[in-house]
Amino acid sequence: MKKDNQTAHSGGVGFFGLLGILFIALKLIGVINWSWWLVTLPLWGGIAVVVILVLIVYAAAALIK
């Protein structure tokens, strides 16, 4: 009997996505009076982590050279 290899995929919204949705909802119902760039800031969190990691790798490569 042959077994099929199956992988489980977890999808959905991450931490930054949930925080962004929360801030947008609070802004729309008037609980917070922040500017829109501050409200959407958590949505850029994932990109910021990637950019920081790339900068660290670049700096480490420059130090090794």
Protein backbone atom coordinates (compact mmCIF):
# COMPACT_ATOMS: atom_id res chain seq x y z
CA MET A 1 0.00 0.00 0.00
CA LYS A 2 1.40 3.41 -0.98
CA LYS A 3 1.06 6.39 1.32
CA ASP A 4 0.43 9.82 -0.11
CA ASN A 5 2.59 12.57 1.28
CA GLN A 6 0.38 15.43 2.31
CA THR A 7 1.51 18.73 3.67
CA ALA A 8 -0.57 21.01 5.80
CA HIS A 9 -0.65 24.65 4.84
CA SER A 10 -1.63 27.27 7.32
CA GLY A 11 -2.93 30.41 5.75
CA GLY A 12 -4.76 33.40 6.96
CA VAL A 13 -3.97 36.74 8.41
CA GLY A 14 -0.83 37.27 10.47
CA PHE A 15 -0.17 39.53 13.43
CA PHE A 16 0.44 42.69 11.39
CA GLY A 17 -2.64 42.04 9.27
CA LEU A 18 -4.86 41.66 12.32
CA LEU A 19 -3.43 44.79 13.88
CA GLY A 20 -4.00 46.70 10.63
CA ILE A 21 -7.61 45.51 10.42
CA LEU A 22 -8.17 46.49 14.05
CA PHE A 23 -6.74 49.98 13.53
CA ILE A 24 -8.77 50.52 10.34
CA ALA A 25 -11.97 49.44 12.09
CA LEU A 26 -11.26 51.71 15.07
CA LYS A 27 -10.56 54.62 12.70
CA LEU A 28 -13.76 54.05 10.71
CA ILE A 29 -15.99 53.92 13.79
CA GLY A 30 -14.32 57.02 15.25
CA VAL A 31 -12.62 55.52 18.31
CA ILE A 32 -9.19 56.77 17.25
CA ASN A 33 -8.40 60.02 15.49
CA TRP A 34 -5.03 59.08 13.97
CA SER A 35 -3.89 59.98 10.49
CA TRP A 36 -4.33 57.28 7.84
CA TRP A 37 -0.59 56.70 7.40
CA LEU A 38 -0.36 55.78 11.09
CA VAL A 39 -3.44 53.56 10.88
CA THR A 40 -2.00 51.60 7.94
CA LEU A 41 1.49 51.37 9.43
CA PRO A 42 1.04 47.77 10.71
CA LEU A 43 0.27 46.65 7.16
CA TRP A 44 3.83 47.62 6.25
CA GLY A 45 5.28 45.59 9.15
CA GLY A 46 6.07 42.48 7.12
CA ILE A 47 7.87 44.51 4.48
CA ALA A 48 9.83 46.36 7.16
CA VAL A 49 11.06 43.06 8.66
CA VAL A 50 12.29 41.89 5.24
CA VAL A 51 14.03 45.21 4.54
CA ILE A 52 15.76 45.13 7.95
CA LEU A 53 16.95 41.56 7.37
CA VAL A 54 18.33 42.47 3.94
CA LEU A 55 20.17 45.46 5.43
CA ILE A 56 21.68 43.26 8.16
CA VAL A 57 22.90 40.72 5.59
CA TYR A 58 24.30 43.52 3.43
CA ALA A 59 26.11 45.08 6.39
CA ALA A 60 27.52 41.71 7.45
CA ALA A 61 28.77 41.06 3.92
CA ALA A 62 30.41 44.50 3.83
CA LEU A 63 32.16 43.83 7.15
CA ILE A 64 33.49 40.47 5.97
CA LYS A 65 34.94 41.99 2.80
